[in-house]
Amino acid sequence: MKIIFIKTISIILFASLLTSCSTPSVYYNFPGTYFVSPKYVPSSDEAVIKLLEEHKDKTLEELIELSHSLGRGGKYKESYNISKLVLQSNVQDTDIIADTYAFMGVIYRLIGGYEKSKYYSEKARALIEQCEYPSTVAAILFNAGAIYYELSLRDDWKYAQEGIEDLEEALSYYIQYSNTRMQARNTYSFLYAFYFGCPEFFNSEKAADYAYQQLAFGPTADINFDWDDTVNFIAMAYLAGGDWKSAEEFVEMYITRPPIREYYRNALHLFFQTVKGDMDMAKELADSMKRVEPFGSAPFSKTARLFGYPMLGYYSEAIDDTEAAKNYYYEYINSDEGLINANAKFFVDAEERLGMDFSEARTRLMQEIIDGRSISLELAGVEDEAAIALGFV
């Protein structure tokens, strides 16, 4: 089999959609923290039906490009139903069919329909053995791993093993065959998030290594590269594993690179000094962070300050101020700012150490999966295959 990466029909075509919506590092202030996107409001059935009528006679390639273009523009219901036209056009190419199923899974993931996303991702995955191109296989595996991460974060890491295996296999394809770098970088991000956040598979060295691989790319034209965030994640991974010596150069790199806000620099620096055991320096940093309270008088957003609360909680534990530590952790976990990380290892450990109860936050996480079951991109009167397959009532 000739090893090539198809350019016209592959999921690579909607990589810009995935870059802004799929990569964990885009959304994470504290690893394991996800900021929920604004609630999606679908277009009317009438508008979508009109669009389908207008484009039903287009070529297969035109339909695929249109569905991707609509997805990039946030027109998810339109994109999904144009993709169904692709499947209904008597296409015989397995790579196109598998790509289309995977893309439909991506669309559902972007609107929070996680289980339907899983359904379509797994339909694509079932076709891998029949696919000709490594690009198709890699993209299918990447998107399966991504939805397993979204589900796992909300459902106590139920699909972590499957997600890690799929992402690492996808990465092997991207590294070996791809002449683009964005897809590999996105895969590194999800693997970092798994190895940092999942208690069962937590591995600070692997997490740091996957984040470090992103630095090897450097700023490029084809990816939305955030150097500072990645340096921060490497440092955080080492510190979460108690290895302040390995973290030191990355902490120094982060806190000396402008124009990062002082509060963010201090938060990482505080974590570093606390793990290191330099409590005099840690106290100076903690005091400087506390001076921006209360929220209403601070010069930047509540979310920005909440970013430092886990570090302040960890420091408070280290000085035996248990009540302060609990307050910081509870306010962070129960925040209305869209922080949803009660299943991440850092917080699971803190919960166990201090006898806290984050069940309320975990209920909110599970509610996102439950709410997602009611989301449909189907037109009225059209059988919703995914819902039936999942046994929804």
Protein backbone atom coordinates (compact mmCIF):
# COMPACT_ATOMS: atom_id res chain seq x y z
CA MET A 1 0.00 0.00 0.00
CA LYS A 2 1.39 3.38 -0.96
CA ILE A 3 1.68 5.57 2.14
CA ILE A 4 0.17 8.96 1.31
CA PHE A 5 -1.99 11.51 3.03
CA ILE A 6 -5.05 12.41 0.98
CA LYS A 7 -5.76 16.14 0.91
CA THR A 8 -9.20 16.47 -0.61
CA ILE A 9 -11.42 14.16 1.38
CA SER A 10 -9.57 13.58 4.64
CA ILE A 11 -10.59 14.86 8.07
CA ILE A 12 -7.44 16.97 7.76
CA LEU A 13 -9.70 19.39 5.87
CA PHE A 14 -11.48 20.41 9.05
CA ALA A 15 -8.38 20.57 11.21
CA SER A 16 -8.93 24.27 11.79
CA LEU A 17 -12.27 23.36 13.38
CA LEU A 18 -10.54 20.88 15.66
CA THR A 19 -7.71 23.25 16.56
CA SER A 20 -10.06 25.78 18.12
CA CYS A 21 -12.50 23.33 19.70
CA SER A 22 -10.78 20.03 20.41
CA THR A 23 -7.37 20.60 21.92
CA PRO A 24 -7.42 20.56 25.69
CA SER A 25 -4.57 23.04 26.11
CA VAL A 26 -6.65 25.73 24.46
CA TYR A 27 -9.16 25.53 27.29
CA TYR A 28 -7.13 24.69 30.35
CA ASN A 29 -6.03 27.18 32.95
CA PHE A 30 -5.38 24.38 35.43
CA PRO A 31 -4.93 21.00 33.75
CA GLY A 32 -8.11 19.00 34.10
CA THR A 33 -10.19 22.18 33.88
CA TYR A 34 -12.47 22.77 30.95
CA PHE A 35 -14.33 25.94 30.11
CA VAL A 36 -17.70 25.03 28.66
CA SER A 37 -18.45 26.74 25.37
CA PRO A 38 -21.61 28.84 25.03
CA LYS A 39 -24.76 26.80 24.57
CA TYR A 40 -25.37 25.98 20.94
CA VAL A 41 -28.66 27.15 19.42
CA PRO A 42 -29.48 25.15 16.26
CA SER A 43 -31.00 26.63 13.16
CA SER A 44 -34.62 25.91 12.31
CA ASP A 45 -35.53 22.77 10.39
CA GLU A 46 -36.87 24.97 7.62
CA ALA A 47 -33.54 26.71 7.14
CA VAL A 48 -31.66 23.41 7.06
CA ILE A 49 -34.12 21.81 4.65
CA LYS A 50 -33.75 24.79 2.33
CA LEU A 51 -29.97 24.42 2.44
CA LEU A 52 -30.21 20.72 1.64
CA GLU A 53 -32.46 21.44 -1.34
CA GLU A 54 -30.03 24.04 -2.62
CA HIS A 55 -27.05 21.71 -2.50
CA LYS A 56 -28.46 18.22 -3.11
CA ASP A 57 -27.09 18.12 -6.67
CA LYS A 58 -23.52 19.06 -5.75
CA THR A 59 -20.68 16.64 -6.32
CA LEU A 60 -19.43 14.45 -3.51
CA GLU A 61 -16.29 16.56 -3.11
CA GLU A 62 -18.36 19.76 -2.99
CA LEU A 63 -20.65 18.33 -0.31
CA ILE A 64 -17.69 17.29 1.83
CA GLU A 65 -16.07 20.70 1.57
CA LEU A 66 -19.39 22.38 2.33
CA SER A 67 -20.01 20.28 5.43
CA HIS A 68 -16.53 21.11 6.75
CA SER A 69 -16.93 24.81 5.95
CA LEU A 70 -20.27 24.94 7.78
CA GLY A 71 -18.75 23.15 10.77
CA ARG A 72 -15.89 25.63 10.94
CA GLY A 73 -18.47 28.40 10.91
CA GLY A 74 -20.43 26.96 13.84
CA LYS A 75 -23.35 25.86 11.63
CA TYR A 76 -23.41 22.43 13.24
CA LYS A 77 -26.91 21.30 12.33
CA GLU A 78 -26.35 22.30 8.73
CA SER A 79 -22.94 20.62 8.67
CA TYR A 80 -24.30 17.41 10.19
CA ASN A 81 -27.14 17.11 7.69
CA ILE A 82 -24.93 17.90 4.71
CA SER A 83 -22.71 15.07 5.97
CA LYS A 84 -25.77 12.80 5.88
CA LEU A 85 -26.19 13.77 2.22
CA VAL A 86 -22.66 12.51 1.66
CA LEU A 87 -23.57 9.14 3.15
CA GLN A 88 -26.77 9.01 1.09
CA SER A 89 -24.99 9.74 -2.20
CA ASN A 90 -24.13 6.10 -2.93
CA VAL A 91 -20.49 6.67 -2.03
CA GLN A 92 -18.42 3.49 -2.28
CA ASP A 93 -15.13 4.77 -0.86
CA THR A 94 -14.66 3.39 2.67
CA ASP A 95 -12.28 6.20 3.61
CA ILE A 96 -14.92 8.81 2.77
CA ILE A 97 -17.61 6.92 4.68
CA ALA A 98 -15.38 6.52 7.72
CA ASP A 99 -14.25 10.17 7.54
CA THR A 100 -17.85 11.29 7.38
CA TYR A 101 -18.91 9.24 10.39
CA ALA A 102 -15.95 10.58 12.34
CA PHE A 103 -16.81 14.14 11.32
CA MET A 104 -20.40 13.68 12.45
CA GLY A 105 -18.98 12.52 15.78
CA VAL A 106 -16.89 15.67 15.99
CA ILE A 107 -19.94 17.85 15.36
CA TYR A 108 -21.86 16.17 18.18
CA ARG A 109 -18.86 16.52 20.49
CA LEU A 110 -18.68 20.25 19.85
CA ILE A 111 -22.27 20.78 20.98
CA GLY A 112 -22.01 18.51 24.03
CA GLY A 113 -23.77 15.45 22.63
CA TYR A 114 -21.01 13.24 23.94
CA GLU A 115 -22.66 9.83 23.70
CA LYS A 116 -23.90 10.43 20.16
CA SER A 117 -20.39 11.59 19.35
CA LYS A 118 -19.09 8.31 20.75
CA TYR A 119 -21.61 6.42 18.65
CA TYR A 120 -20.50 8.00 15.37
CA SER A 121 -16.82 7.83 16.31
CA GLU A 122 -17.16 4.12 16.93
CA LYS A 123 -19.01 3.62 13.63
CA ALA A 124 -15.98 5.18 11.96
CA ARG A 125 -13.60 3.13 14.06
CA ALA A 126 -15.31 -0.10 12.99
CA LEU A 127 -14.25 0.64 9.40
CA ILE A 128 -10.55 1.15 10.12
CA GLU A 129 -9.46 -2.24 8.76
CA GLN A 130 -11.10 -1.42 5.43
CA CYS A 131 -9.55 2.05 5.10
CA GLU A 132 -6.74 2.57 2.60
CA TYR A 133 -5.10 5.74 3.86
CA PRO A 134 -3.15 6.22 7.12
CA SER A 135 -4.55 9.75 7.34
CA THR A 136 -8.07 8.36 7.66
CA VAL A 137 -7.05 5.85 10.32
CA ALA A 138 -5.12 8.47 12.32
CA ALA A 139 -7.98 10.97 12.24
CA ILE A 140 -10.53 8.35 13.29
CA LEU A 141 -8.36 7.25 16.20
CA PHE A 142 -7.67 10.83 17.26
CA ASN A 143 -11.35 11.73 17.33
CA ALA A 144 -12.27 8.53 19.16
CA GLY A 145 -9.63 9.35 21.76
CA ALA A 146 -10.90 12.90 22.08
CA ILE A 147 -14.48 11.88 22.77
CA TYR A 148 -13.30 9.19 25.20
CA TYR A 149 -11.52 11.98 27.06
CA GLU A 150 -14.61 14.19 27.19
CA LEU A 151 -16.73 11.32 28.46
CA SER A 152 -14.08 10.12 30.90
CA LEU A 153 -13.57 13.52 32.50
CA ARG A 154 -17.29 13.65 33.26
CA ASP A 155 -17.82 9.97 34.09
CA ASP A 156 -14.96 9.16 36.48
CA TRP A 157 -12.55 8.16 33.69
CA LYS A 158 -14.68 5.29 32.44
CA TYR A 159 -13.08 5.31 28.97
CA ALA A 160 -9.56 6.39 29.89
CA GLN A 161 -7.80 3.23 28.75
CA GLU A 162 -9.55 3.23 25.37
CA GLY A 163 -8.83 6.92 24.93
CA ILE A 164 -5.14 6.62 25.70
CA GLU A 165 -4.71 3.60 23.44
CA ASP A 166 -6.45 5.30 20.51
CA LEU A 167 -4.54 8.55 20.91
CA GLU A 168 -1.17 6.84 21.18
CA GLU A 169 -1.92 4.78 18.07
CA ALA A 170 -3.04 7.93 16.25
CA LEU A 171 0.19 9.63 17.28
CA SER A 172 2.25 6.80 15.82
CA TYR A 173 0.57 7.43 12.47
CA TYR A 174 1.00 11.19 12.63
CA ILE A 175 4.67 10.95 13.55
CA GLN A 176 5.47 8.31 10.94
CA TYR A 177 3.47 9.50 7.97
CA SER A 178 2.24 13.06 8.29
CA ASN A 179 4.07 16.04 6.84
CA THR A 180 1.88 18.39 8.87
CA ARG A 181 2.32 18.99 12.59
CA MET A 182 -0.99 20.28 13.89
CA GLN A 183 -2.62 16.86 14.23
CA ALA A 184 0.29 15.45 16.21
CA ARG A 185 0.33 18.47 18.49
CA ASN A 186 -3.38 18.12 19.23
CA THR A 187 -2.83 14.45 20.05
CA TYR A 188 0.01 15.32 22.44
CA SER A 189 -2.38 17.70 24.22
CA PHE A 190 -5.02 15.07 24.87
CA LEU A 191 -2.43 12.54 26.00
CA TYR A 192 -0.99 15.10 28.40
CA ALA A 193 -4.49 15.72 29.77
CA PHE A 194 -5.10 11.99 30.29
CA TYR A 195 -1.79 11.30 32.02
CA PHE A 196 -2.06 14.41 34.17
CA GLY A 197 -5.72 14.19 35.10
CA CYS A 198 -6.68 10.51 35.32
CA PRO A 199 -5.93 9.04 38.76
CA GLU A 200 -5.54 5.49 37.45
CA PHE A 201 -3.13 6.40 34.67
CA PHE A 202 -1.45 9.41 36.27
CA ASN A 203 2.18 9.61 35.18
CA SER A 204 3.89 12.95 35.67
CA GLU A 205 6.86 12.06 33.48
CA LYS A 206 4.69 10.94 30.57
CA ALA A 207 2.48 14.00 30.93
CA ALA A 208 5.50 16.30 30.97
CA ASP A 209 7.05 14.50 28.01
CA TYR A 210 3.91 14.81 25.89
CA ALA A 211 3.68 18.50 26.71
CA TYR A 212 7.39 18.91 25.97
CA GLN A 213 6.93 17.36 22.52
CA GLN A 214 4.68 20.29 21.67
CA LEU A 215 7.54 22.69 22.38
CA ALA A 216 9.63 20.85 19.82
CA PHE A 217 7.28 22.09 17.12
CA GLY A 218 7.82 25.73 18.00
CA PRO A 219 5.54 28.44 16.59
CA THR A 220 4.38 27.51 13.11
CA ALA A 221 1.92 28.89 10.60
CA ASP A 222 -0.38 25.87 10.73
CA ILE A 223 -1.07 25.73 14.48
CA ASN A 224 -2.35 28.09 17.13
CA PHE A 225 0.71 27.65 19.29
CA ASP A 226 0.74 28.91 22.86
CA TRP A 227 4.28 28.57 24.15
CA ASP A 228 3.60 29.92 27.62
CA ASP A 229 0.71 27.56 28.34
CA THR A 230 2.76 24.57 27.23
CA VAL A 231 5.73 25.54 29.41
CA ASN A 232 3.31 25.92 32.31
CA PHE A 233 1.85 22.45 31.70
CA ILE A 234 5.29 20.83 31.70
CA ALA A 235 6.10 22.47 35.01
CA MET A 236 2.71 21.52 36.46
CA ALA A 237 3.16 17.88 35.46
CA TYR A 238 6.51 17.59 37.20
CA LEU A 239 5.26 19.44 40.29
CA ALA A 240 2.16 17.25 40.55
CA GLY A 241 4.56 14.32 40.72
CA GLY A 242 6.63 16.03 43.41
CA ASP A 243 9.65 16.53 41.13
CA TRP A 244 10.53 20.18 41.67
CA LYS A 245 14.05 19.75 40.30
CA SER A 246 12.77 18.73 36.85
CA ALA A 247 10.16 21.48 37.00
CA GLU A 248 12.61 24.23 37.94
CA GLU A 249 13.85 25.25 34.50
CA PHE A 250 10.30 25.40 33.14
CA VAL A 251 9.05 27.39 36.12
CA GLU A 252 11.87 29.85 35.57
CA MET A 253 11.11 29.97 31.85
CA TYR A 254 7.44 30.67 32.54
CA ILE A 255 7.76 33.31 35.24
CA THR A 256 10.34 35.30 33.25
CA ARG A 257 8.48 35.41 29.93
CA PRO A 258 6.38 38.54 29.50
CA PRO A 259 3.62 39.49 29.05
CA ILE A 260 2.11 36.92 31.42
CA ARG A 261 0.01 38.44 34.19
CA GLU A 262 1.73 38.52 37.52
CA TYR A 263 -1.01 36.50 39.20
CA TYR A 264 -0.46 33.56 36.84
CA ARG A 265 3.29 33.71 37.35
CA ASN A 266 2.85 33.79 41.09
CA ALA A 267 0.42 30.86 41.08
CA LEU A 268 2.88 28.53 39.37
CA HIS A 269 5.77 29.93 41.41
CA LEU A 270 3.79 29.30 44.63
CA PHE A 271 3.17 25.68 43.68
CA PHE A 272 6.87 25.26 42.88
CA GLN A 273 8.10 26.77 46.15
CA THR A 274 5.57 24.75 48.17
CA VAL A 275 6.63 21.46 46.56
CA LYS A 276 10.27 22.48 46.99
CA GLY A 277 9.67 23.29 50.66
CA ASP A 278 10.81 26.93 50.64
CA MET A 279 7.92 28.11 52.78
CA ASP A 280 9.28 31.63 53.36
CA MET A 281 9.20 32.35 49.63
CA ALA A 282 5.88 30.52 49.32
CA LYS A 283 4.39 32.77 52.01
CA GLU A 284 5.48 35.91 50.15
CA LEU A 285 3.87 34.65 46.97
CA ALA A 286 0.67 33.52 48.73
CA ASP A 287 0.35 36.90 50.46
CA SER A 288 0.77 38.75 47.19
CA MET A 289 -1.96 36.63 45.60
CA LYS A 290 -4.35 37.16 48.52
CA ARG A 291 -4.02 40.93 48.19
CA VAL A 292 -6.13 40.90 45.01
CA GLU A 293 -9.17 39.70 47.00
CA PRO A 294 -12.08 40.17 47.14
CA PHE A 295 -13.13 39.39 43.60
CA GLY A 296 -14.99 42.64 43.05
CA SER A 297 -11.97 44.88 43.54
CA ALA A 298 -9.51 42.93 41.41
CA PRO A 299 -8.35 44.34 38.07
CA PHE A 300 -8.98 41.07 36.22
CA SER A 301 -11.65 38.42 36.01
CA LYS A 302 -12.87 36.07 38.70
CA THR A 303 -11.87 33.15 36.51
CA ALA A 304 -8.28 34.38 36.36
CA ARG A 305 -8.09 34.49 40.14
CA LEU A 306 -9.75 31.12 40.55
CA PHE A 307 -6.84 29.72 38.55
CA GLY A 308 -4.64 30.27 41.59
CA TYR A 309 -6.97 28.71 44.15
CA PRO A 310 -5.68 25.12 43.82
CA MET A 311 -2.16 26.41 44.45
CA LEU A 312 -3.31 28.47 47.42
CA GLY A 313 -5.16 25.43 48.72
CA TYR A 314 -2.08 23.26 48.36
CA TYR A 315 0.04 25.87 50.14
CA SER A 316 -2.54 26.14 52.93
CA GLU A 317 -2.34 22.38 53.43
CA ALA A 318 1.43 22.60 53.68
CA ILE A 319 1.21 25.13 56.54
CA ASP A 320 -1.52 23.09 58.26
CA ASP A 321 -4.26 25.66 57.64
CA THR A 322 -6.81 23.00 56.79
CA GLU A 323 -9.86 25.23 56.85
CA ALA A 324 -8.32 27.72 54.42
CA ALA A 325 -7.28 24.85 52.14
CA LYS A 326 -10.82 23.45 52.11
CA ASN A 327 -12.27 26.86 51.37
CA TYR A 328 -9.98 27.34 48.39
CA TYR A 329 -10.71 23.90 46.96
CA TYR A 330 -14.47 24.10 47.49
CA GLU A 331 -14.74 27.55 45.95
CA TYR A 332 -12.76 26.40 42.95
CA ILE A 333 -14.61 23.12 42.43
CA ASN A 334 -18.07 24.59 43.05
CA SER A 335 -17.45 27.72 41.00
CA ASP A 336 -20.05 28.89 38.53
CA GLU A 337 -17.25 29.85 36.12
CA GLY A 338 -17.46 26.60 34.16
CA LEU A 339 -14.56 24.86 35.89
CA ILE A 340 -15.32 21.15 35.81
CA ASN A 341 -12.48 19.06 37.13
CA ALA A 342 -13.69 17.24 40.24
CA ASN A 343 -12.51 13.94 38.71
CA ALA A 344 -8.95 15.17 38.04
CA LYS A 345 -6.27 13.52 40.18
CA PHE A 346 -5.08 16.72 41.85
CA PHE A 347 -8.56 17.30 43.30
CA VAL A 348 -9.33 13.65 44.01
CA ASP A 349 -6.16 13.53 46.11
CA ALA A 350 -6.98 16.77 47.94
CA GLU A 351 -10.51 15.54 48.59
CA GLU A 352 -9.21 12.34 50.17
CA ARG A 353 -6.50 14.06 52.20
CA LEU A 354 -8.87 16.62 53.72
CA GLY A 355 -12.05 14.55 53.94
CA MET A 356 -13.92 16.82 51.53
CA ASP A 357 -16.89 15.88 49.38
CA PHE A 358 -16.95 16.92 45.73
CA SER A 359 -20.01 14.80 44.88
CA GLU A 360 -22.03 17.90 43.97
CA ALA A 361 -19.50 18.87 41.35
CA ARG A 362 -19.38 15.31 40.01
CA THR A 363 -23.16 15.33 39.72
CA ARG A 364 -22.90 18.45 37.59
CA LEU A 365 -20.36 16.70 35.39
CA MET A 366 -22.62 13.70 34.88
CA GLN A 367 -25.53 16.03 34.18
CA GLU A 368 -23.67 17.26 31.11
CA ILE A 369 -23.72 13.75 29.70
CA ILE A 370 -27.42 13.39 30.59
CA ASP A 371 -28.25 16.75 29.02
CA GLY A 372 -26.32 15.78 25.92
CA ARG A 373 -28.68 12.88 25.35
CA SER A 374 -31.48 15.31 24.59
CA ILE A 375 -29.49 17.13 21.91
CA SER A 376 -30.35 16.19 18.36
CA LEU A 377 -29.17 17.58 15.04
CA GLU A 378 -31.74 15.52 13.14
CA LEU A 379 -34.60 17.13 11.27
CA ALA A 380 -38.09 16.62 12.63
CA GLY A 381 -39.57 13.30 11.54
CA VAL A 382 -36.18 11.82 10.65
CA GLU A 383 -35.16 8.71 12.50
CA ASP A 384 -32.34 9.48 14.92
CA GLU A 385 -30.16 6.43 14.42
CA ALA A 386 -27.73 7.31 17.21
CA ALA A 387 -30.42 7.77 19.82
CA ILE A 388 -32.03 4.45 18.99
CA ALA A 389 -28.70 2.63 19.05
CA LEU A 390 -27.93 4.07 22.48
CA GLY A 391 -31.29 2.98 23.87
CA PHE A 392 -32.53 6.48 24.66
CA VAL A 393 -36.17 6.87 25.67
